[in-house]
Structures are given as C-alpha cells and as structure tokens.
Amino acid sequence: MESTDLLLEFGAVILGLGILGRFADRFGFSAIPLYLLAGLAFGQGGLLPLDASEQFIATGAELGVILLLLLLGLEYSAPELVGSLRTQYPSGAVDFLLNATPGALAALLLGWGPVAAVVLAGVTWVSSSGVIAKVLGDLGRLGNRETPVVLGVLVIEDLAMAVYLPLVTAVLAGMSLAGSSLALLISLGTVAVVLYVALRHGRLISRAVSTSNAELLLLVVLGLTLVVAGFAQRLQVSAAVGAFLVGIALSGEVAEGARNLLTPLRDLFAALFFVFFGLSTDPAAIPSVLPQALALAAVTAGTKIATGWYAARRAGVGSGGRWRAGGALVARGEFSIVIAGLATATQPRIGPLATAYVLILVIAGPVAARVTQPAAQALGRLRAPRRPAGDDGTPAAEPEKTAATN
C-alpha cells in the first residue's frame, strides 16, 4: 500500500509541477515562486500534506542541487573564470559588501546570532543566474554593451559559492574556528587545483570523457559528478561545490553535449528541490516574517541596482546601460534557496524568511529589469542626444537616426 501511495503522490507532484511550469512559461515569468508555493501547500501545515513521497522527494532535491551546480559549471570554461576574476574582482567586492551586509545585519538585529548572520548574508548576496539569463534573452539584451558586465558579476558570485558553501556547512555543523578554517583552506585548495588542471589539462579530461554515444556520455558525466560530489561531501567541501568543479573541468563538445543531455534532468530535479524546500517550511510562519522580508527585499533590490550601476560604470557603459545592468541583477532564486536549505535543520527561522524573500524578488527582479529599459532610454535622450549610438548599451543605429534612438 505504501508503494501505491508513493506512486500516486509522486505522480501527482510531477504532474502538478508540469502544469505550473506551463502556466509560468505561458506568461513569461520564472516558475520558481510557483514551485515554492506548491511545496508550502503540500508540506506540514499546508492544504494537502504529503507522507509517503516526502523522503523520495528529499533524495530528488539533493540530486537537483547537484545537477544545478553541474550545469552551472558547464556554462563556464576555466579561462573565462580566470578572466572574470582579473577584470571584475572590484565589482565582485562591491557586490559582496553591498548585498551580503544587509542580510547579516538583519539576522543580528533580529537576535538570531552570528551563525544565522553568515547564512542570511549569502541569501541576500547572490543573484539568480537562471532567472537573469532568461530575462535578458526575453528582452533581447544579450547583445547589449552592459550584458557582459552583468554576466561577469554573476560569474564572480558563482565562483565565490565554491568557497562560501563549504564555509557555511562547517559553521552550521558547529565546527570550531580551527575546523572552519581548515574547511575553508580545503575548499580554496580544491578550487585552485581544479582551475589549474582545467587550464592546463582540460582538453585531456574532456577527451577521456568524450564519446559519440549519448547514452554513454550521460552515464559517464552523471556518474563522475555523483562520485566527486560524494567525495567532496566527505571532505566537508559540499557536494554541490564538487559538482560545480566537475562542470568547470569539462569543456568543448563534451560540455555542450552534457548540457543538452542533462538539462531536462536538471529541470526535473531542480523543481523537486524547490518543492522540498517548501515542504520543509511551515507556511504559518511566513506571515510573521513578511514585513522583515519586504524590508530586506526593498533594501537589497536597491543595493543590487547600485552594484550593477557601479560595475557598468567601470566598464565605460553609458548611463542608460548602467541602470539596465542594475535592474537585471535584482532577482534572487536558486542559490538563495540552496543556502537557506543548508540551514533548515539547525536554523529553522531562516526558512520562512528566505522563502518570503525569494518569492518577492524572483517576481520583482524581472519587473525591475523591464522597468529600467524605458527609463534608461528616456535618460539617454535627455542627457546626450548627439553622442554615438551604443554609448548607453543600446544597439547601434544609423548616424542620422542616432538622436532618435538614444
């Protein structure tokens, strides 16, 4: 009977996620808030609590995090990461200071202690690469002058997670200062070694994994990722970080083929991850933290806009492009939930606040990106009607039409 209940519940969850995903796609927004709301509805205290399939979904959620980070690593090559570090590190430092500080201060002001401050700092710090990439594509901004700046900031954040996540894991486990420092050194050393190997011998690794058989490629890449993730977790480095480093080490046709094969699996298990986070959050606890979540969202939306403006200014982008870069960075999503999910066992108060916070900004982020588009165009017309086309990040126009298009 339990097996039957598992099939019925799990099938209903998957079917429901498919319907929610189609609804979100129809109206052109991220499905993440809908998945979180579904988890709240199916969790303890929700409308229809799940019993038989909750453990199964928990395993799927863990796979979801691993696949999210693997696919994220496959998006970057080691030279791209090193290049972003060299050119964007001042913007990355400003990003950290402006956006991690509000989360840390909020936890301390609420009296939740330093461990919660470290976790909530990460929740407010990292933007959603998935949501932002989709929004930039939908708005036709992939060729804009400010877009490489936005992507550079996201690359710095993603690489920083390879250091931050093991540190958070060690802090949540109650390790001493010596133990946390050791975990940090291990993670730094691991990242450095992987980057070095990928830079020097990435082609050899990719050649060893490469095969024209799609089935074999899927099995080898997925198996390698899970093995490395397991070893990483044993070293207290975090399974997600191990998966991310595997993605970085693979490049070329192997990375492209693995992306095509693993993206559907990633989407399925990532959806289960968001549902599971909702399952582990008591919906009755959200109304009490909604004012704090709204205040935190308002502050960190402003600090992300300031981050994008600063980063675009460093790159010589015009005023309009600076505002568009800032608006594009507002959305939070998968990484914020990953970080909060690590803390649910020992810091249960963070879950409701993080859920409300992400729900607000995953909706407000695309809105901010769209709102800054006409505002940036108006600003460009007012400030410099005679300047060369493309100075504010818009595509170049014919000389006689420059004033009209800017």
Protein backbone atom coordinates (compact mmCIF):
# COMPACT_ATOMS: atom_id res chain seq x y z
CA MET A 1 0.00 0.00 0.00
CA GLU A 2 2.85 2.37 0.81
CA SER A 3 4.32 1.77 -2.65
CA THR A 4 0.97 2.63 -4.23
CA ASP A 5 0.74 5.82 -2.16
CA LEU A 6 4.26 6.76 -3.22
CA LEU A 7 3.41 6.37 -6.91
CA LEU A 8 0.17 8.31 -6.57
CA GLU A 9 1.68 11.15 -4.55
CA PHE A 10 4.85 11.44 -6.59
CA GLY A 11 2.94 11.26 -9.86
CA ALA A 12 0.57 13.98 -8.67
CA VAL A 13 3.51 16.18 -7.66
CA ILE A 14 5.27 15.77 -11.04
CA LEU A 15 2.03 16.41 -12.96
CA GLY A 16 1.32 19.47 -10.83
CA LEU A 17 4.81 20.84 -11.44
CA GLY A 18 4.36 20.36 -15.17
CA ILE A 19 1.11 22.33 -15.11
CA LEU A 20 2.68 25.10 -13.03
CA GLY A 21 5.69 25.23 -15.34
CA ARG A 22 3.48 25.57 -18.41
CA PHE A 23 1.49 28.32 -16.70
CA ALA A 24 4.68 30.24 -15.87
CA ASP A 25 6.03 29.78 -19.40
CA ARG A 26 2.76 30.98 -20.90
CA PHE A 27 3.01 34.29 -19.06
CA GLY A 28 6.79 34.63 -19.40
CA PHE A 29 7.98 34.51 -15.78
CA SER A 30 10.05 32.15 -13.62
CA ALA A 31 8.36 29.03 -12.27
CA ILE A 32 10.42 29.13 -9.04
CA PRO A 33 7.79 31.01 -6.95
CA LEU A 34 5.10 28.58 -8.08
CA TYR A 35 7.24 25.58 -7.12
CA LEU A 36 7.88 27.11 -3.68
CA LEU A 37 4.16 27.75 -3.20
CA ALA A 38 3.43 24.15 -4.22
CA GLY A 39 5.85 22.92 -1.57
CA LEU A 40 4.17 25.10 1.06
CA ALA A 41 0.80 23.69 0.04
CA PHE A 42 1.99 20.05 0.27
CA GLY A 43 4.06 20.41 3.46
CA GLN A 44 3.14 20.07 7.11
CA GLY A 45 0.52 22.70 7.88
CA GLY A 46 -0.34 23.05 4.19
CA LEU A 47 -3.53 22.24 2.33
CA LEU A 48 -2.61 18.64 1.42
CA PRO A 49 0.40 17.26 3.36
CA LEU A 50 2.45 14.53 1.69
CA ASP A 51 3.50 11.49 3.71
CA ALA A 52 4.66 8.58 1.58
CA SER A 53 6.69 10.53 -1.01
CA GLU A 54 8.40 13.15 1.17
CA GLN A 55 11.61 11.11 1.64
CA PHE A 56 11.71 10.29 -2.05
CA ILE A 57 11.36 13.98 -2.90
CA ALA A 58 14.15 14.78 -0.41
CA THR A 59 16.52 12.50 -2.36
CA GLY A 60 15.42 14.08 -5.62
CA ALA A 61 16.01 17.52 -4.12
CA GLU A 62 19.62 16.61 -3.29
CA LEU A 63 20.14 15.46 -6.87
CA GLY A 64 18.54 18.71 -8.01
CA VAL A 65 21.16 20.82 -6.22
CA ILE A 66 23.99 18.70 -7.65
CA LEU A 67 22.65 18.98 -11.20
CA LEU A 68 22.03 22.72 -10.82
CA LEU A 69 25.67 23.27 -9.91
CA LEU A 70 26.98 20.84 -12.52
CA LEU A 71 25.12 22.63 -15.34
CA LEU A 72 26.26 25.96 -13.96
CA GLY A 73 29.89 24.78 -14.09
CA LEU A 74 29.41 23.54 -17.65
CA GLU A 75 28.45 27.09 -18.69
CA TYR A 76 31.93 28.36 -17.83
CA SER A 77 35.38 27.42 -19.01
CA ALA A 78 38.39 27.84 -16.73
CA PRO A 79 39.87 30.66 -18.88
CA GLU A 80 36.55 32.54 -18.66
CA LEU A 81 36.51 32.24 -14.88
CA VAL A 82 40.11 33.40 -14.56
CA GLY A 83 39.45 36.28 -16.95
CA SER A 84 36.39 37.38 -14.97
CA LEU A 85 38.38 37.27 -11.74
CA ARG A 86 41.06 39.50 -13.23
CA THR A 87 38.71 42.12 -14.66
CA GLN A 88 35.66 42.04 -12.38
CA TYR A 89 37.07 41.48 -8.89
CA PRO A 90 36.47 45.13 -7.78
CA SER A 91 32.81 44.80 -8.83
CA GLY A 92 32.64 41.44 -7.05
CA ALA A 93 33.96 43.01 -3.85
CA VAL A 94 31.41 45.85 -4.04
CA ASP A 95 28.68 43.29 -4.77
CA PHE A 96 29.59 41.33 -1.64
CA LEU A 97 29.79 44.38 0.64
CA LEU A 98 26.54 45.96 -0.57
CA ASN A 99 24.40 42.83 -0.70
CA ALA A 100 25.73 40.45 1.96
CA THR A 101 25.83 43.15 4.68
CA PRO A 102 22.04 43.78 4.81
CA GLY A 103 21.35 40.07 5.35
CA ALA A 104 23.96 39.76 8.10
CA LEU A 105 22.71 42.92 9.84
CA ALA A 106 19.09 41.75 9.61
CA ALA A 107 19.92 38.45 11.34
CA LEU A 108 21.82 40.27 14.10
CA LEU A 109 19.04 42.85 14.59
CA LEU A 110 16.50 40.03 14.85
CA GLY A 111 18.67 38.43 17.55
CA TRP A 112 19.32 35.25 15.60
CA GLY A 113 23.08 35.18 16.26
CA PRO A 114 26.26 35.11 14.17
CA VAL A 115 25.63 31.72 12.51
CA ALA A 116 22.31 32.93 11.12
CA ALA A 117 24.04 36.16 10.06
CA VAL A 118 26.54 34.19 7.93
CA VAL A 119 23.71 32.22 6.28
CA LEU A 120 21.35 35.16 5.68
CA ALA A 121 24.25 37.17 4.23
CA GLY A 122 24.55 34.55 1.49
CA VAL A 123 20.79 34.52 0.89
CA THR A 124 20.76 38.26 0.15
CA TRP A 125 24.10 38.32 -1.68
CA VAL A 126 23.73 36.04 -4.70
CA SER A 127 21.55 36.85 -7.70
CA SER A 128 19.72 34.19 -9.71
CA SER A 129 21.75 33.29 -12.82
CA GLY A 130 18.87 31.26 -14.26
CA VAL A 131 16.20 33.94 -13.90
CA ILE A 132 18.52 36.73 -15.11
CA ALA A 133 19.68 34.81 -18.19
CA LYS A 134 16.05 34.14 -19.15
CA VAL A 135 15.05 37.78 -18.66
CA LEU A 136 17.98 39.10 -20.72
CA GLY A 137 17.06 36.69 -23.52
CA ASP A 138 13.36 37.61 -23.40
CA LEU A 139 14.15 41.34 -23.53
CA GLY A 140 16.61 40.93 -26.40
CA ARG A 141 19.52 42.34 -24.40
CA LEU A 142 22.09 39.60 -24.94
CA GLY A 143 23.96 41.80 -27.42
CA ASN A 144 23.83 44.96 -25.29
CA ARG A 145 27.03 46.56 -24.10
CA GLU A 146 26.16 46.15 -20.40
CA THR A 147 25.33 42.42 -20.65
CA PRO A 148 28.95 41.16 -20.34
CA VAL A 149 29.20 43.24 -17.15
CA VAL A 150 26.08 41.57 -15.71
CA LEU A 151 27.38 38.11 -16.65
CA GLY A 152 30.79 38.96 -15.15
CA VAL A 153 29.20 39.78 -11.79
CA LEU A 154 27.24 36.52 -11.91
CA VAL A 155 30.40 34.53 -12.70
CA ILE A 156 32.18 36.04 -9.69
CA GLU A 157 29.21 35.15 -7.45
CA ASP A 158 29.02 31.59 -8.76
CA LEU A 159 32.74 31.01 -8.27
CA ALA A 160 32.57 32.54 -4.79
CA MET A 161 29.96 29.93 -3.87
CA ALA A 162 32.66 27.26 -4.22
CA VAL A 163 34.29 28.85 -1.18
CA TYR A 164 31.23 30.12 0.65
CA LEU A 165 29.16 26.92 0.70
CA PRO A 166 31.82 24.79 2.46
CA LEU A 167 32.31 27.58 4.99
CA VAL A 168 28.58 27.72 5.71
CA THR A 169 28.43 23.93 6.01
CA ALA A 170 31.27 23.99 8.56
CA VAL A 171 29.69 26.82 10.57
CA LEU A 172 26.29 25.11 10.64
CA ALA A 173 27.94 21.88 11.78
CA GLY A 174 29.24 23.74 14.83
CA MET A 175 32.90 23.42 13.93
CA SER A 176 35.45 25.43 15.86
CA LEU A 177 37.39 28.30 14.33
CA ALA A 178 40.21 25.87 13.54
CA GLY A 179 37.81 23.42 11.91
CA SER A 180 36.12 26.16 9.86
CA SER A 181 39.50 27.50 8.78
CA LEU A 182 40.57 24.02 7.71
CA ALA A 183 37.37 23.58 5.68
CA LEU A 184 37.97 26.96 4.05
CA LEU A 185 41.58 26.04 3.20
CA ILE A 186 40.46 22.70 1.74
CA SER A 187 37.83 24.40 -0.42
CA LEU A 188 40.26 27.08 -1.60
CA GLY A 189 42.87 24.45 -2.40
CA THR A 190 40.33 22.31 -4.24
CA VAL A 191 39.12 25.23 -6.36
CA ALA A 192 42.71 26.25 -7.16
CA VAL A 193 43.71 22.70 -8.15
CA VAL A 194 40.62 22.22 -10.34
CA LEU A 195 41.17 25.56 -12.09
CA TYR A 196 44.83 24.71 -12.68
CA VAL A 197 44.03 21.24 -14.02
CA ALA A 198 41.23 22.62 -16.20
CA LEU A 199 43.50 25.32 -17.61
CA ARG A 200 46.45 23.00 -18.27
CA HIS A 201 44.82 19.65 -18.96
CA GLY A 202 41.14 20.41 -19.64
CA ARG A 203 41.34 19.04 -23.17
CA LEU A 204 42.76 15.74 -21.93
CA ILE A 205 39.96 15.36 -19.37
CA SER A 206 37.30 16.19 -21.95
CA ARG A 207 38.90 13.79 -24.44
CA ALA A 208 38.85 10.98 -21.86
CA VAL A 209 35.14 11.55 -21.17
CA SER A 210 34.15 12.25 -24.79
CA THR A 211 32.07 9.75 -26.73
CA SER A 212 29.70 9.96 -29.70
CA ASN A 213 27.24 7.71 -27.85
CA ALA A 214 24.78 9.96 -25.99
CA GLU A 215 23.82 7.23 -23.52
CA LEU A 216 27.44 6.56 -22.53
CA LEU A 217 28.19 10.28 -22.22
CA LEU A 218 25.21 10.74 -19.92
CA LEU A 219 26.22 7.80 -17.72
CA VAL A 220 29.89 8.81 -17.51
CA VAL A 221 29.30 12.51 -16.76
CA LEU A 222 26.49 11.85 -14.27
CA GLY A 223 28.39 9.05 -12.55
CA LEU A 224 31.59 11.09 -12.35
CA THR A 225 29.66 14.03 -10.92
CA LEU A 226 27.99 11.96 -8.21
CA VAL A 227 31.28 10.29 -7.22
CA VAL A 228 33.10 13.63 -6.97
CA ALA A 229 30.16 15.16 -5.11
CA GLY A 230 30.24 12.29 -2.62
CA PHE A 231 33.98 12.67 -2.02
CA ALA A 232 33.57 16.44 -1.67
CA GLN A 233 30.90 15.95 0.97
CA ARG A 234 33.18 13.59 2.91
CA LEU A 235 35.83 16.31 2.90
CA GLN A 236 33.24 18.82 4.21
CA VAL A 237 33.55 20.77 0.94
CA SER A 238 29.85 20.37 -0.06
CA ALA A 239 28.51 18.02 -2.73
CA ALA A 240 27.19 20.97 -4.76
CA VAL A 241 30.66 22.51 -4.97
CA GLY A 242 32.10 19.18 -6.15
CA ALA A 243 29.52 19.08 -8.95
CA PHE A 244 30.32 22.69 -9.91
CA LEU A 245 34.03 21.87 -10.19
CA VAL A 246 33.31 18.86 -12.42
CA GLY A 247 31.40 21.17 -14.73
CA ILE A 248 34.33 23.61 -14.89
CA ALA A 249 36.78 20.80 -15.69
CA LEU A 250 34.78 19.71 -18.77
CA SER A 251 34.83 21.87 -21.88
CA GLY A 252 34.24 21.99 -25.60
CA GLU A 253 31.98 19.44 -27.30
CA VAL A 254 31.77 17.32 -24.13
CA ALA A 255 30.37 20.26 -22.14
CA GLU A 256 27.91 21.11 -24.92
CA GLY A 257 26.74 17.51 -25.24
CA ALA A 258 26.40 17.08 -21.47
CA ARG A 259 24.36 20.31 -21.24
CA ASN A 260 21.92 19.10 -23.87
CA LEU A 261 21.52 15.70 -22.20
CA LEU A 262 21.36 16.84 -18.58
CA THR A 263 19.23 19.98 -18.87
CA PRO A 264 15.87 18.09 -18.77
CA LEU A 265 17.07 16.08 -15.75
CA ARG A 266 18.28 19.29 -14.10
CA ASP A 267 14.92 20.96 -14.62
CA LEU A 268 13.03 17.99 -13.15
CA PHE A 269 15.14 17.55 -10.03
CA ALA A 270 15.58 21.30 -9.52
CA ALA A 271 11.81 21.62 -9.43
CA LEU A 272 11.72 18.88 -6.79
CA PHE A 273 14.36 20.80 -4.84
CA PHE A 274 12.21 23.93 -4.68
CA VAL A 275 9.18 21.85 -3.74
CA PHE A 276 11.14 20.11 -0.97
CA PHE A 277 12.30 23.45 0.44
CA GLY A 278 8.66 24.49 0.55
CA LEU A 279 7.77 21.19 2.24
CA SER A 280 10.31 21.89 4.99
CA THR A 281 8.91 25.38 5.65
CA ASP A 282 5.88 25.93 7.85
CA PRO A 283 3.53 28.22 5.89
CA ALA A 284 2.05 29.52 9.16
CA ALA A 285 5.46 31.05 10.00
CA ILE A 286 5.61 33.20 6.85
CA PRO A 287 3.10 35.97 7.74
CA SER A 288 5.07 36.89 10.87
CA VAL A 289 8.29 37.44 8.86
CA LEU A 290 6.66 39.08 5.83
CA PRO A 291 7.39 42.68 6.98
CA GLN A 292 11.08 41.81 7.51
CA ALA A 293 11.21 40.06 4.12
CA LEU A 294 9.65 43.06 2.37
CA ALA A 295 12.07 45.49 4.04
CA LEU A 296 15.05 43.26 3.22
CA ALA A 297 13.87 42.87 -0.37
CA ALA A 298 13.50 46.63 -0.80
CA VAL A 299 16.96 47.35 0.61
CA THR A 300 18.76 44.64 -1.36
CA ALA A 301 16.95 45.48 -4.60
CA GLY A 302 18.44 48.95 -4.22
CA THR A 303 21.91 47.62 -3.41
CA LYS A 304 21.86 45.28 -6.44
CA ILE A 305 20.92 48.19 -8.69
CA ALA A 306 23.84 50.12 -7.19
CA THR A 307 26.12 47.12 -7.83
CA GLY A 308 25.14 46.89 -11.49
CA TRP A 309 25.49 50.66 -11.93
CA TYR A 310 29.00 50.61 -10.45
CA ALA A 311 30.13 47.57 -12.47
CA ALA A 312 28.81 49.04 -15.73
CA ARG A 313 30.41 52.41 -14.98
CA ARG A 314 33.80 50.68 -14.51
CA ALA A 315 33.35 49.14 -17.96
CA GLY A 316 32.66 52.54 -19.54
CA VAL A 317 28.98 51.87 -20.25
CA GLY A 318 26.71 54.92 -20.57
CA SER A 319 24.09 55.99 -18.01
CA GLY A 320 21.22 54.07 -19.57
CA GLY A 321 23.20 50.83 -19.68
CA ARG A 322 24.27 51.28 -16.06
CA TRP A 323 20.66 51.38 -14.88
CA ARG A 324 19.73 48.40 -17.03
CA ALA A 325 22.64 46.41 -15.57
CA GLY A 326 21.46 47.21 -12.06
CA GLY A 327 17.84 46.30 -12.76
CA ALA A 328 18.88 42.99 -14.33
CA LEU A 329 20.71 41.86 -11.17
CA VAL A 330 17.80 42.26 -8.72
CA ALA A 331 16.34 38.73 -8.95
CA ARG A 332 17.27 36.14 -6.31
CA GLY A 333 16.47 32.47 -6.70
CA GLU A 334 18.19 29.08 -6.73
CA PHE A 335 21.36 29.87 -4.79
CA SER A 336 19.46 31.74 -2.08
CA ILE A 337 17.28 28.66 -1.57
CA VAL A 338 20.30 26.32 -1.66
CA ILE A 339 21.96 28.35 1.10
CA ALA A 340 18.81 28.56 3.20
CA GLY A 341 18.19 24.83 2.65
CA LEU A 342 21.53 24.01 4.28
CA ALA A 343 20.36 25.82 7.41
CA THR A 344 16.85 24.45 7.83
CA ALA A 345 17.87 21.74 10.31
CA THR A 346 19.82 23.97 12.72
CA GLN A 347 18.39 27.41 11.90
CA PRO A 348 14.67 26.79 11.24
CA ARG A 349 13.79 30.51 11.49
CA ILE A 350 15.70 31.26 8.29
CA GLY A 351 13.46 29.07 6.09
CA PRO A 352 10.26 31.16 6.25
CA LEU A 353 12.14 34.45 5.86
CA ALA A 354 14.19 33.13 2.91
CA THR A 355 11.05 31.73 1.25
CA ALA A 356 9.20 35.04 1.50
CA TYR A 357 12.29 36.98 0.43
CA VAL A 358 12.89 34.86 -2.68
CA LEU A 359 9.19 34.88 -3.60
CA ILE A 360 9.25 38.69 -3.55
CA LEU A 361 12.47 39.20 -5.51
CA VAL A 362 12.04 36.40 -8.04
CA ILE A 363 8.88 38.26 -9.09
CA ALA A 364 10.22 41.80 -8.60
CA GLY A 365 13.52 41.05 -10.40
CA PRO A 366 12.11 40.64 -13.93
CA VAL A 367 9.84 43.64 -13.29
CA ALA A 368 12.86 45.76 -12.31
CA ALA A 369 14.71 44.64 -15.45
CA ARG A 370 11.78 45.68 -17.62
CA VAL A 371 11.13 48.99 -15.81
CA THR A 372 14.74 50.14 -16.25
CA GLN A 373 14.54 49.66 -20.05
CA PRO A 374 12.24 52.64 -20.88
CA ALA A 375 13.75 54.71 -18.06
CA ALA A 376 17.25 54.16 -19.45
CA GLN A 377 16.11 55.09 -22.96
CA ALA A 378 14.47 58.29 -21.70
CA LEU A 379 17.60 59.16 -19.74
CA GLY A 380 19.73 58.62 -22.83
CA ARG A 381 17.56 61.04 -24.88
CA LEU A 382 17.70 63.71 -22.19
CA ARG A 383 21.40 63.54 -21.38
CA ALA A 384 23.23 63.15 -24.68
CA PRO A 385 21.15 63.45 -27.87
CA ARG A 386 24.28 63.78 -30.06
CA ARG A 387 26.53 61.04 -28.65
CA PRO A 388 27.44 57.96 -30.73
CA ALA A 389 24.92 55.16 -30.83
CA GLY A 390 25.52 52.31 -28.39
CA ASP A 391 27.04 54.52 -25.64
CA ASP A 392 24.22 53.63 -23.28
CA GLY A 393 24.25 49.98 -24.27
CA THR A 394 21.59 50.12 -26.99
CA PRO A 395 22.32 48.59 -30.39
CA ALA A 396 23.99 50.91 -32.88
CA ALA A 397 21.74 52.93 -35.20
CA GLU A 398 22.35 54.76 -38.45
CA PRO A 399 24.13 58.12 -37.91
CA GLU A 400 21.16 60.29 -38.92
CA LYS A 401 18.87 58.37 -36.51
CA THR A 402 21.19 58.36 -33.50
CA ALA A 403 19.40 61.15 -31.66
CA ALA A 404 16.06 59.45 -32.05
CA THR A 405 17.18 56.01 -30.98
CA ASN A 406 19.21 57.07 -27.91
